[in-house]
Structure formats: structure tokens, C-alpha cells
Amino acid sequence: MRKLSECYVDAAKARSSLEKRDVDKLTYEQKICLDFLKKHFRMPVEKSTELMKELQNIGRIDSRQASMIANLMPKTKEDVKLIFSKERTILSDEEINKILETVNKYEK
């Protein structure tokens, strides 16, 4: 099997994509995933898309990292540092604060 393309999506987009499909045609794993996403991720797709765009505009954050931040919605500096702990990107305190401010805007 050959990979044609790759893109990172947040949990809201994944939930929306699964909800659009016929439930009877979903595989067992997809049904479990949809159930999990419905229980734990309630942010609308539009808001999560805006959040990811804002995060990518902060600086050195790519789409994969933005989707991780949108899924985890970190609340402290330590949470943000944990997300980037295995990355080569080292964020400054200013960038971390911008990330937290952006995430706080999109909290319920």
C-alpha cells in the first residue's frame, strides 16, 4: 500500500468526518473511535479550525503540533512543554504564553 498524502486533523474534524458516514458501514474500530470522540471532544469544527490557524500563526508550530494542542487544550506552561518535549522545537516563554492565551480564548 502506498501513502498518497498525509494531513493532520484535530479531534473535532475526525468526529465530524465519522458522523457524516453511515453508522452501519463503520468498522468496529471506527465506532469505538466515534463514541470516544463524542464523549470527550465537544468543540465545534469551526472553532477548532480557527484555533489551529491561530496556533500556526504564532510562529514555529506546524499542523501536527497545532492539532495536538487543539486536542489536548493545555492549561499550564508545563502542559505545553510536555507536548513539545520530544520535538526539536524549543519554545520561548513568550511563545508558550501566546499558546496558552490562544487556547484560553477557545475554552468553553
PDB file of N, CA and C in Angstrom:
ATOM      1  N   MET A   1       0.842  -1.162   0.000  1.00  0.00           N
ATOM      2  CA  MET A   1       0.000   0.000   0.000  1.00  0.00           C
ATOM      3  C   MET A   1       0.895   1.235   0.000  1.00  0.00           C
ATOM      4  N   ARG A   2       0.498   2.217  -0.788  1.00  0.00           N
ATOM      5  CA  ARG A   2       1.286   3.426  -0.935  1.00  0.00           C
ATOM      6  C   ARG A   2       0.538   4.602  -0.335  1.00  0.00           C
ATOM      7  N   LYS A   3       1.241   5.417   0.408  1.00  0.00           N
ATOM      8  CA  LYS A   3       0.630   6.598   1.020  1.00  0.00           C
ATOM      9  C   LYS A   3       0.585   7.706  -0.025  1.00  0.00           C
ATOM     10  N   LEU A   4      -0.615   8.217  -0.280  1.00  0.00           N
ATOM     11  CA  LEU A   4      -0.770   9.265  -1.278  1.00  0.00           C
ATOM     12  C   LEU A   4      -0.554  10.656  -0.690  1.00  0.00           C
ATOM     13  N   SER A   5      -1.081  10.866   0.479  1.00  0.00           N
ATOM     14  CA  SER A   5      -0.895  12.160   1.131  1.00  0.00           C
ATOM     15  C   SER A   5      -1.095  11.995   2.630  1.00  0.00           C
ATOM     16  N   GLU A   6      -0.725  13.026   3.339  1.00  0.00           N
ATOM     17  CA  GLU A   6      -0.846  12.983   4.784  1.00  0.00           C
ATOM     18  C   GLU A   6      -1.235  14.369   5.281  1.00  0.00           C
ATOM     19  N   CYS A   7      -2.197  14.416   6.168  1.00  0.00           N
ATOM     20  CA  CYS A   7      -2.556  15.682   6.796  1.00  0.00           C
ATOM     21  C   CYS A   7      -2.997  15.389   8.218  1.00  0.00           C
ATOM     22  N   TYR A   8      -2.789  16.350   9.081  1.00  0.00           N
ATOM     23  CA  TYR A   8      -3.137  16.189  10.486  1.00  0.00           C
ATOM     24  C   TYR A   8      -4.432  16.928  10.764  1.00  0.00           C
ATOM     25  N   VAL A   9      -5.341  16.249  11.415  1.00  0.00           N
ATOM     26  CA  VAL A   9      -6.618  16.855  11.765  1.00  0.00           C
ATOM     27  C   VAL A   9      -6.810  16.746  13.269  1.00  0.00           C
ATOM     28  N   ASP A  10      -7.585  17.672  13.779  1.00  0.00           N
ATOM     29  CA  ASP A  10      -7.871  17.632  15.198  1.00  0.00           C
ATOM     30  C   ASP A  10      -9.055  16.707  15.451  1.00  0.00           C
ATOM     31  N   ALA A  11      -9.349  16.480  16.707  1.00  0.00           N
ATOM     32  CA  ALA A  11     -10.403  15.544  17.095  1.00  0.00           C
ATOM     33  C   ALA A  11     -11.773  15.983  16.595  1.00  0.00           C
ATOM     34  N   ALA A  12     -12.021  17.287  16.551  1.00  0.00           N
ATOM     35  CA  ALA A  12     -13.324  17.786  16.093  1.00  0.00           C
ATOM     36  C   ALA A  12     -13.564  17.433  14.621  1.00  0.00           C
ATOM     37  N   LYS A  13     -12.531  17.569  13.800  1.00  0.00           N
ATOM     38  CA  LYS A  13     -12.673  17.211  12.383  1.00  0.00           C
ATOM     39  C   LYS A  13     -12.846  15.704  12.217  1.00  0.00           C
ATOM     40  N   ALA A  14     -12.121  14.931  13.009  1.00  0.00           N
ATOM     41  CA  ALA A  14     -12.247  13.472  12.943  1.00  0.00           C
ATOM     42  C   ALA A  14     -13.659  13.050  13.332  1.00  0.00           C
ATOM     43  N   ARG A  15     -14.179  13.656  14.409  1.00  0.00           N
ATOM     44  CA  ARG A  15     -15.546  13.352  14.850  1.00  0.00           C
ATOM     45  C   ARG A  15     -16.548  13.720  13.766  1.00  0.00           C
ATOM     46  N   SER A  16     -16.399  14.895  13.190  1.00  0.00           N
ATOM     47  CA  SER A  16     -17.308  15.349  12.136  1.00  0.00           C
ATOM     48  C   SER A  16     -17.265  14.420  10.928  1.00  0.00           C
ATOM     49  N   SER A  17     -16.075  14.002  10.565  1.00  0.00           N
ATOM     50  CA  SER A  17     -15.911  13.103   9.423  1.00  0.00           C
ATOM     51  C   SER A  17     -16.594  11.763   9.673  1.00  0.00           C
ATOM     52  N   LEU A  18     -16.446  11.228  10.872  1.00  0.00           N
ATOM     53  CA  LEU A  18     -17.080   9.947  11.198  1.00  0.00           C
ATOM     54  C   LEU A  18     -18.596  10.086  11.322  1.00  0.00           C
ATOM     55  N   GLU A  19     -19.066  11.222  11.826  1.00  0.00           N
ATOM     56  CA  GLU A  19     -20.508  11.421  11.973  1.00  0.00           C
ATOM     57  C   GLU A  19     -21.212  11.539  10.628  1.00  0.00           C
ATOM     58  N   LYS A  20     -20.507  11.989   9.602  1.00  0.00           N
ATOM     59  CA  LYS A  20     -21.098  12.135   8.272  1.00  0.00           C
ATOM     60  C   LYS A  20     -21.323  10.786   7.592  1.00  0.00           C
ATOM     61  N   ARG A  21     -20.600   9.785   8.035  1.00  0.00           N
ATOM     62  CA  ARG A  21     -20.712   8.460   7.415  1.00  0.00           C
ATOM     63  C   ARG A  21     -21.887   7.693   7.995  1.00  0.00           C
ATOM     64  N   ASP A  22     -22.358   6.723   7.252  1.00  0.00           N
ATOM     65  CA  ASP A  22     -23.438   5.861   7.705  1.00  0.00           C
ATOM     66  C   ASP A  22     -22.921   4.981   8.841  1.00  0.00           C
ATOM     67  N   VAL A  23     -23.576   5.029   9.983  1.00  0.00           N
ATOM     68  CA  VAL A  23     -23.120   4.308  11.176  1.00  0.00           C
ATOM     69  C   VAL A  23     -23.058   2.809  10.922  1.00  0.00           C
ATOM     70  N   ASP A  24     -23.954   2.283  10.118  1.00  0.00           N
ATOM     71  CA  ASP A  24     -23.965   0.844   9.839  1.00  0.00           C
ATOM     72  C   ASP A  24     -22.757   0.395   9.033  1.00  0.00           C
ATOM     73  N   LYS A  25     -22.131   1.317   8.305  1.00  0.00           N
ATOM     74  CA  LYS A  25     -20.990   0.954   7.469  1.00  0.00           C
ATOM     75  C   LYS A  25     -19.648   1.196   8.153  1.00  0.00           C
ATOM     76  N   LEU A  26     -19.669   1.743   9.376  1.00  0.00           N
ATOM     77  CA  LEU A  26     -18.424   1.959  10.106  1.00  0.00           C
ATOM     78  C   LEU A  26     -17.880   0.631  10.625  1.00  0.00           C
ATOM     79  N   THR A  27     -16.563   0.519  10.643  1.00  0.00           N
ATOM     80  CA  THR A  27     -15.952  -0.680  11.222  1.00  0.00           C
ATOM     81  C   THR A  27     -16.049  -0.604  12.746  1.00  0.00           C
ATOM     82  N   TYR A  28     -15.745  -1.695  13.386  1.00  0.00           N
ATOM     83  CA  TYR A  28     -15.790  -1.758  14.850  1.00  0.00           C
ATOM     84  C   TYR A  28     -14.893  -0.679  15.468  1.00  0.00           C
ATOM     85  N   GLU A  29     -13.675  -0.542  14.942  1.00  0.00           N
ATOM     86  CA  GLU A  29     -12.725   0.435  15.460  1.00  0.00           C
ATOM     87  C   GLU A  29     -13.221   1.855  15.250  1.00  0.00           C
ATOM     88  N   GLN A  30     -13.838   2.115  14.105  1.00  0.00           N
ATOM     89  CA  GLN A  30     -14.367   3.447  13.822  1.00  0.00           C
ATOM     90  C   GLN A  30     -15.523   3.786  14.760  1.00  0.00           C
ATOM     91  N   LYS A  31     -16.346   2.807  15.082  1.00  0.00           N
ATOM     92  CA  LYS A  31     -17.454   3.037  16.018  1.00  0.00           C
ATOM     93  C   LYS A  31     -16.932   3.372  17.410  1.00  0.00           C
ATOM     94  N   ILE A  32     -15.912   2.663  17.848  1.00  0.00           N
ATOM     95  CA  ILE A  32     -15.308   2.939  19.152  1.00  0.00           C
ATOM     96  C   ILE A  32     -14.696   4.342  19.158  1.00  0.00           C
ATOM     97  N   CYS A  33     -14.006   4.674  18.085  1.00  0.00           N
ATOM     98  CA  CYS A  33     -13.382   5.991  17.964  1.00  0.00           C
ATOM     99  C   CYS A  33     -14.446   7.090  17.988  1.00  0.00           C
ATOM    100  N   LEU A  34     -15.519   6.911  17.246  1.00  0.00           N
ATOM    101  CA  LEU A  34     -16.595   7.896  17.204  1.00  0.00           C
ATOM    102  C   LEU A  34     -17.221   8.064  18.590  1.00  0.00           C
ATOM    103  N   ASP A  35     -17.447   6.975  19.274  1.00  0.00           N
ATOM    104  CA  ASP A  35     -18.011   7.042  20.624  1.00  0.00           C
ATOM    105  C   ASP A  35     -17.084   7.823  21.560  1.00  0.00           C
ATOM    106  N   PHE A  36     -15.801   7.554  21.495  1.00  0.00           N
ATOM    107  CA  PHE A  36     -14.820   8.262  22.316  1.00  0.00           C
ATOM    108  C   PHE A  36     -14.804   9.754  21.993  1.00  0.00           C
ATOM    109  N   LEU A  37     -14.783  10.081  20.709  1.00  0.00           N
ATOM    110  CA  LEU A  37     -14.736  11.485  20.296  1.00  0.00           C
ATOM    111  C   LEU A  37     -15.992  12.243  20.708  1.00  0.00           C
ATOM    112  N   LYS A  38     -17.140  11.590  20.641  1.00  0.00           N
ATOM    113  CA  LYS A  38     -18.388  12.243  21.059  1.00  0.00           C
ATOM    114  C   LYS A  38     -18.375  12.543  22.554  1.00  0.00           C
ATOM    115  N   LYS A  39     -17.785  11.646  23.333  1.00  0.00           N
ATOM    116  CA  LYS A  39     -17.765  11.829  24.788  1.00  0.00           C
ATOM    117  C   LYS A  39     -16.766  12.889  25.236  1.00  0.00           C
ATOM    118  N   HIS A  40     -15.623  12.979  24.565  1.00  0.00           N
ATOM    119  CA  HIS A  40     -14.518  13.768  25.098  1.00  0.00           C
ATOM    120  C   HIS A  40     -14.204  15.057  24.342  1.00  0.00           C
ATOM    121  N   PHE A  41     -14.677  15.222  23.133  1.00  0.00           N
ATOM    122  CA  PHE A  41     -14.343  16.406  22.347  1.00  0.00           C
ATOM    123  C   PHE A  41     -15.622  17.056  21.840  1.00  0.00           C
ATOM    124  N   ARG A  42     -15.986  18.162  22.456  1.00  0.00           N
ATOM    125  CA  ARG A  42     -17.247  18.812  22.131  1.00  0.00           C
ATOM    126  C   ARG A  42     -17.082  20.111  21.345  1.00  0.00           C
ATOM    127  N   MET A  43     -15.866  20.549  21.098  1.00  0.00           N
ATOM    128  CA  MET A  43     -15.646  21.801  20.381  1.00  0.00           C
ATOM    129  C   MET A  43     -16.114  21.663  18.931  1.00  0.00           C
ATOM    130  N   PRO A  44     -16.852  22.663  18.437  1.00  0.00           N
ATOM    131  CA  PRO A  44     -17.289  22.619  17.037  1.00  0.00           C
ATOM    132  C   PRO A  44     -16.100  22.678  16.074  1.00  0.00           C
ATOM    133  N   VAL A  45     -16.292  22.135  14.896  1.00  0.00           N
ATOM    134  CA  VAL A  45     -15.220  22.069  13.896  1.00  0.00           C
ATOM    135  C   VAL A  45     -14.723  23.467  13.534  1.00  0.00           C
ATOM    136  N   GLU A  46     -15.635  24.419  13.406  1.00  0.00           N
ATOM    137  CA  GLU A  46     -15.249  25.773  13.004  1.00  0.00           C
ATOM    138  C   GLU A  46     -14.300  26.402  14.029  1.00  0.00           C
ATOM    139  N   LYS A  47     -14.633  26.230  15.310  1.00  0.00           N
ATOM    140  CA  LYS A  47     -13.788  26.785  16.360  1.00  0.00           C
ATOM    141  C   LYS A  47     -12.422  26.105  16.405  1.00  0.00           C
ATOM    142  N   SER A  48     -12.403  24.797  16.231  1.00  0.00           N
ATOM    143  CA  SER A  48     -11.120  24.083  16.281  1.00  0.00           C
ATOM    144  C   SER A  48     -10.251  24.438  15.076  1.00  0.00           C
ATOM    145  N   THR A  49     -10.875  24.666  13.924  1.00  0.00           N
ATOM    146  CA  THR A  49     -10.123  25.082  12.741  1.00  0.00           C
ATOM    147  C   THR A  49      -9.517  26.463  12.954  1.00  0.00           C
ATOM    148  N   GLU A  50     -10.296  27.372  13.520  1.00  0.00           N
ATOM    149  CA  GLU A  50      -9.784  28.708  13.833  1.00  0.00           C
ATOM    150  C   GLU A  50      -8.634  28.623  14.834  1.00  0.00           C
ATOM    151  N   LEU A  51      -8.797  27.788  15.844  1.00  0.00           N
ATOM    152  CA  LEU A  51      -7.753  27.608  16.852  1.00  0.00           C
ATOM    153  C   LEU A  51      -6.467  27.114  16.216  1.00  0.00           C
ATOM    154  N   MET A  52      -6.563  26.120  15.360  1.00  0.00           N
ATOM    155  CA  MET A  52      -5.361  25.575  14.712  1.00  0.00           C
ATOM    156  C   MET A  52      -4.680  26.632  13.846  1.00  0.00           C
ATOM    157  N   LYS A  53      -5.463  27.442  13.119  1.00  0.00           N
ATOM    158  CA  LYS A  53      -4.871  28.502  12.285  1.00  0.00           C
ATOM    159  C   LYS A  53      -4.161  29.531  13.149  1.00  0.00           C
ATOM    160  N   GLU A  54      -4.797  29.927  14.250  1.00  0.00           N
ATOM    161  CA  GLU A  54      -4.163  30.896  15.147  1.00  0.00           C
ATOM    162  C   GLU A  54      -2.877  30.343  15.746  1.00  0.00           C
ATOM    163  N   LEU A  55      -2.897  29.079  16.112  1.00  0.00           N
ATOM    164  CA  LEU A  55      -1.698  28.461  16.678  1.00  0.00           C
ATOM    165  C   LEU A  55      -0.562  28.428  15.666  1.00  0.00           C
ATOM    166  N   GLN A  56      -0.885  28.135  14.417  1.00  0.00           N
ATOM    167  CA  GLN A  56       0.145  28.086  13.383  1.00  0.00           C
ATOM    168  C   GLN A  56       0.696  29.479  13.083  1.00  0.00           C
ATOM    169  N   ASN A  57      -0.090  30.517  13.328  1.00  0.00           N
ATOM    170  CA  ASN A  57       0.376  31.890  13.102  1.00  0.00           C
ATOM    171  C   ASN A  57       1.296  32.382  14.223  1.00  0.00           C
ATOM    172  N   ILE A  58       1.337  31.673  15.328  1.00  0.00           N
ATOM    173  CA  ILE A  58       2.180  32.096  16.454  1.00  0.00           C
ATOM    174  C   ILE A  58       3.648  32.066  16.068  1.00  0.00           C
ATOM    175  N   GLY A  59       4.041  31.077  15.322  1.00  0.00           N
ATOM    176  CA  GLY A  59       5.460  31.007  14.975  1.00  0.00           C
ATOM    177  C   GLY A  59       5.844  29.660  14.437  1.00  0.00           C
ATOM    178  N   ARG A  60       6.617  28.944  15.210  1.00  0.00           N
ATOM    179  CA  ARG A  60       7.226  27.695  14.737  1.00  0.00           C
ATOM    180  C   ARG A  60       6.362  26.484  15.034  1.00  0.00           C
ATOM    181  N   ILE A  61       5.066  26.602  14.910  1.00  0.00           N
ATOM    182  CA  ILE A  61       4.159  25.488  15.185  1.00  0.00           C
ATOM    183  C   ILE A  61       3.605  24.987  13.862  1.00  0.00           C
ATOM    184  N   ASP A  62       3.821  23.703  13.579  1.00  0.00           N
ATOM    185  CA  ASP A  62       3.303  23.129  12.337  1.00  0.00           C
ATOM    186  C   ASP A  62       1.910  22.531  12.570  1.00  0.00           C
ATOM    187  N   SER A  63       1.325  21.980  11.536  1.00  0.00           N
ATOM    188  CA  SER A  63      -0.053  21.486  11.634  1.00  0.00           C
ATOM    189  C   SER A  63      -0.184  20.311  12.601  1.00  0.00           C
ATOM    190  N   ARG A  64       0.824  19.471  12.686  1.00  0.00           N
ATOM    191  CA  ARG A  64       0.786  18.334  13.611  1.00  0.00           C
ATOM    192  C   ARG A  64       0.788  18.821  15.053  1.00  0.00           C
ATOM    193  N   GLN A  65       1.660  19.755  15.344  1.00  0.00           N
ATOM    194  CA  GLN A  65       1.735  20.293  16.699  1.00  0.00           C
ATOM    195  C   GLN A  65       0.470  21.074  17.051  1.00  0.00           C
ATOM    196  N   ALA A  66      -0.058  21.825  16.089  1.00  0.00           N
ATOM    197  CA  ALA A  66      -1.296  22.584  16.322  1.00  0.00           C
ATOM    198  C   ALA A  66      -2.456  21.638  16.607  1.00  0.00           C
ATOM    199  N   SER A  67      -2.519  20.511  15.900  1.00  0.00           N
ATOM    200  CA  SER A  67      -3.604  19.561  16.155  1.00  0.00           C
ATOM    201  C   SER A  67      -3.451  18.919  17.533  1.00  0.00           C
ATOM    202  N   MET A  68      -2.217  18.651  17.963  1.00  0.00           N
ATOM    203  CA  MET A  68      -2.006  18.098  19.309  1.00  0.00           C
ATOM    204  C   MET A  68      -2.441  19.095  20.372  1.00  0.00           C
ATOM    205  N   ILE A  69      -2.104  20.366  20.173  1.00  0.00           N
ATOM    206  CA  ILE A  69      -2.501  21.395  21.132  1.00  0.00           C
ATOM    207  C   ILE A  69      -4.018  21.531  21.157  1.00  0.00           C
ATOM    208  N   ALA A  70      -4.652  21.523  19.978  1.00  0.00           N
ATOM    209  CA  ALA A  70      -6.113  21.650  19.907  1.00  0.00           C
ATOM    210  C   ALA A  70      -6.799  20.454  20.561  1.00  0.00           C
ATOM    211  N   ASN A  71      -6.222  19.282  20.462  1.00  0.00           N
ATOM    212  CA  ASN A  71      -6.816  18.092  21.077  1.00  0.00           C
ATOM    213  C   ASN A  71      -6.635  18.079  22.585  1.00  0.00           C
ATOM    214  N   LEU A  72      -5.475  18.506  23.046  1.00  0.00           N
ATOM    215  CA  LEU A  72      -5.166  18.413  24.467  1.00  0.00           C
ATOM    216  C   LEU A  72      -5.571  19.647  25.268  1.00  0.00           C
ATOM    217  N   MET A  73      -5.676  20.803  24.606  1.00  0.00           N
ATOM    218  CA  MET A  73      -6.060  22.064  25.246  1.00  0.00           C
ATOM    219  C   MET A  73      -5.280  22.274  26.547  1.00  0.00           C
ATOM    220  N   PRO A  74      -3.962  22.477  26.462  1.00  0.00           N
ATOM    221  CA  PRO A  74      -3.146  22.618  27.669  1.00  0.00           C
ATOM    222  C   PRO A  74      -3.557  23.836  28.501  1.00  0.00           C
ATOM    223  N   LYS A  75      -3.397  23.711  29.808  1.00  0.00           N
ATOM    224  CA  LYS A  75      -3.802  24.777  30.717  1.00  0.00           C
ATOM    225  C   LYS A  75      -2.611  25.452  31.406  1.00  0.00           C
ATOM    226  N   THR A  76      -1.460  24.780  31.430  1.00  0.00           N
ATOM    227  CA  THR A  76      -0.288  25.334  32.106  1.00  0.00           C
ATOM    228  C   THR A  76       0.925  25.296  31.170  1.00  0.00           C
ATOM    229  N   LYS A  77       1.955  26.024  31.566  1.00  0.00           N
ATOM    230  CA  LYS A  77       3.202  26.031  30.794  1.00  0.00           C
ATOM    231  C   LYS A  77       3.805  24.635  30.729  1.00  0.00           C
ATOM    232  N   GLU A  78       3.685  23.903  31.830  1.00  0.00           N
ATOM    233  CA  GLU A  78       4.245  22.551  31.873  1.00  0.00           C
ATOM    234  C   GLU A  78       3.551  21.637  30.866  1.00  0.00           C
ATOM    235  N   ASP A  79       2.237  21.811  30.705  1.00  0.00           N
ATOM    236  CA  ASP A  79       1.497  21.012  29.716  1.00  0.00           C
ATOM    237  C   ASP A  79       2.009  21.282  28.311  1.00  0.00           C
ATOM    238  N   VAL A  80       2.244  22.550  27.996  1.00  0.00           N
ATOM    239  CA  VAL A  80       2.760  22.914  26.669  1.00  0.00           C
ATOM    240  C   VAL A  80       4.157  22.335  26.484  1.00  0.00           C
ATOM    241  N   LYS A  81       4.977  22.432  27.513  1.00  0.00           N
ATOM    242  CA  LYS A  81       6.343  21.898  27.424  1.00  0.00           C
ATOM    243  C   LYS A  81       6.325  20.388  27.211  1.00  0.00           C
ATOM    244  N   LEU A  82       5.365  19.694  27.831  1.00  0.00           N
ATOM    245  CA  LEU A  82       5.246  18.247  27.635  1.00  0.00           C
ATOM    246  C   LEU A  82       4.886  17.906  26.194  1.00  0.00           C
ATOM    247  N   ILE A  83       4.023  18.699  25.594  1.00  0.00           N
ATOM    248  CA  ILE A  83       3.643  18.461  24.193  1.00  0.00           C
ATOM    249  C   ILE A  83       4.869  18.570  23.296  1.00  0.00           C
ATOM    250  N   PHE A  84       5.747  19.511  23.605  1.00  0.00           N
ATOM    251  CA  PHE A  84       6.927  19.745  22.768  1.00  0.00           C
ATOM    252  C   PHE A  84       8.186  19.045  23.295  1.00  0.00           C
ATOM    253  N   SER A  85       8.042  18.170  24.274  1.00  0.00           N
ATOM    254  CA  SER A  85       9.216  17.552  24.896  1.00  0.00           C
ATOM    255  C   SER A  85      10.029  16.684  23.937  1.00  0.00           C
ATOM    256  N   LYS A  86       9.398  16.054  22.977  1.00  0.00           N
ATOM    257  CA  LYS A  86      10.134  15.204  22.039  1.00  0.00           C
ATOM    258  C   LYS A  86      10.372  15.892  20.701  1.00  0.00           C
ATOM    259  N   GLU A  87      10.099  17.180  20.647  1.00  0.00           N
ATOM    260  CA  GLU A  87      10.277  17.945  19.416  1.00  0.00           C
ATOM    261  C   GLU A  87      11.652  18.610  19.419  1.00  0.00           C
ATOM    262  N   ARG A  88      12.109  18.955  18.269  1.00  0.00           N
ATOM    263  CA  ARG A  88      13.347  19.721  18.170  1.00  0.00           C
ATOM    264  C   ARG A  88      13.077  21.206  18.381  1.00  0.00           C
ATOM    265  N   THR A  89      11.818  21.571  18.328  1.00  0.00           N
ATOM    266  CA  THR A  89      11.422  22.960  18.530  1.00  0.00           C
ATOM    267  C   THR A  89      11.453  23.284  20.022  1.00  0.00           C
ATOM    268  N   ILE A  90      12.186  24.298  20.366  1.00  0.00           N
ATOM    269  CA  ILE A  90      12.216  24.764  21.746  1.00  0.00           C
ATOM    270  C   ILE A  90      11.522  26.120  21.768  1.00  0.00           C
ATOM    271  N   LEU A  91      10.432  26.196  22.492  1.00  0.00           N
ATOM    272  CA  LEU A  91       9.640  27.410  22.527  1.00  0.00           C
ATOM    273  C   LEU A  91      10.113  28.339  23.636  1.00  0.00           C
ATOM    274  N   SER A  92      10.036  29.624  23.353  1.00  0.00           N
ATOM    275  CA  SER A  92      10.357  30.612  24.381  1.00  0.00           C
ATOM    276  C   SER A  92       9.155  30.767  25.311  1.00  0.00           C
ATOM    277  N   ASP A  93       9.381  31.409  26.451  1.00  0.00           N
ATOM    278  CA  ASP A  93       8.278  31.648  27.389  1.00  0.00           C
ATOM    279  C   ASP A  93       7.198  32.512  26.744  1.00  0.00           C
ATOM    280  N   GLU A  94       7.614  33.438  25.909  1.00  0.00           N
ATOM    281  CA  GLU A  94       6.651  34.302  25.212  1.00  0.00           C
ATOM    282  C   GLU A  94       5.747  33.481  24.288  1.00  0.00           C
ATOM    283  N   GLU A  95       6.327  32.547  23.540  1.00  0.00           N
ATOM    284  CA  GLU A  95       5.536  31.694  22.644  1.00  0.00           C
ATOM    285  C   GLU A  95       4.605  30.779  23.439  1.00  0.00           C
ATOM    286  N   ILE A  96       5.086  30.254  24.545  1.00  0.00           N
ATOM    287  CA  ILE A  96       4.246  29.397  25.392  1.00  0.00           C
ATOM    288  C   ILE A  96       3.069  30.195  25.938  1.00  0.00           C
ATOM    289  N   ASN A  97       3.328  31.423  26.372  1.00  0.00           N
ATOM    290  CA  ASN A  97       2.244  32.266  26.874  1.00  0.00           C
ATOM    291  C   ASN A  97       1.226  32.587  25.783  1.00  0.00           C
ATOM    292  N   LYS A  98       1.699  32.805  24.546  1.00  0.00           N
ATOM    293  CA  LYS A  98       0.784  33.061  23.432  1.00  0.00           C
ATOM    294  C   LYS A  98      -0.083  31.837  23.156  1.00  0.00           C
ATOM    295  N   ILE A  99       0.517  30.663  23.242  1.00  0.00           N
ATOM    296  CA  ILE A  99      -0.235  29.423  23.038  1.00  0.00           C
ATOM    297  C   ILE A  99      -1.323  29.308  24.099  1.00  0.00           C
ATOM    298  N   LEU A 100      -0.971  29.544  25.353  1.00  0.00           N
ATOM    299  CA  LEU A 100      -1.945  29.433  26.441  1.00  0.00           C
ATOM    300  C   LEU A 100      -3.053  30.476  26.313  1.00  0.00           C
ATOM    301  N   GLU A 101      -2.713  31.691  25.903  1.00  0.00           N
ATOM    302  CA  GLU A 101      -3.728  32.726  25.688  1.00  0.00           C
ATOM    303  C   GLU A 101      -4.684  32.325  24.576  1.00  0.00           C
ATOM    304  N   THR A 102      -4.130  31.791  23.507  1.00  0.00           N
ATOM    305  CA  THR A 102      -4.947  31.370  22.369  1.00  0.00           C
ATOM    306  C   THR A 102      -5.878  30.233  22.775  1.00  0.00           C
ATOM    307  N   VAL A 103      -5.361  29.251  23.484  1.00  0.00           N
ATOM    308  CA  VAL A 103      -6.174  28.116  23.931  1.00  0.00           C
ATOM    309  C   VAL A 103      -7.278  28.594  24.880  1.00  0.00           C
ATOM    310  N   ASN A 104      -6.935  29.513  25.782  1.00  0.00           N
ATOM    311  CA  ASN A 104      -7.922  30.020  26.731  1.00  0.00           C
ATOM    312  C   ASN A 104      -9.073  30.754  26.041  1.00  0.00           C
ATOM    313  N   LYS A 105      -8.794  31.401  24.909  1.00  0.00           N
ATOM    314  CA  LYS A 105      -9.857  32.076  24.154  1.00  0.00           C
ATOM    315  C   LYS A 105     -10.898  31.089  23.655  1.00  0.00           C
ATOM    316  N   TYR A 106     -10.468  29.871  23.347  1.00  0.00           N
ATOM    317  CA  TYR A 106     -11.373  28.877  22.760  1.00  0.00           C
ATOM    318  C   TYR A 106     -11.956  27.906  23.766  1.00  0.00           C
ATOM    319  N   GLU A 107     -11.615  28.051  25.020  1.00  0.00           N
ATOM    320  CA  GLU A 107     -12.241  27.223  26.059  1.00  0.00           C
ATOM    321  C   GLU A 107     -13.697  27.613  26.190  1.00  0.00           C
ATOM    322  N   LYS A 108     -14.507  26.706  26.635  1.00  0.00           N
ATOM    323  CA  LYS A 108     -15.938  26.982  26.763  1.00  0.00           C
ATOM    324  C   LYS A 108     -16.225  27.999  27.812  1.00  0.00           C
TER     325      LYS A 108
END
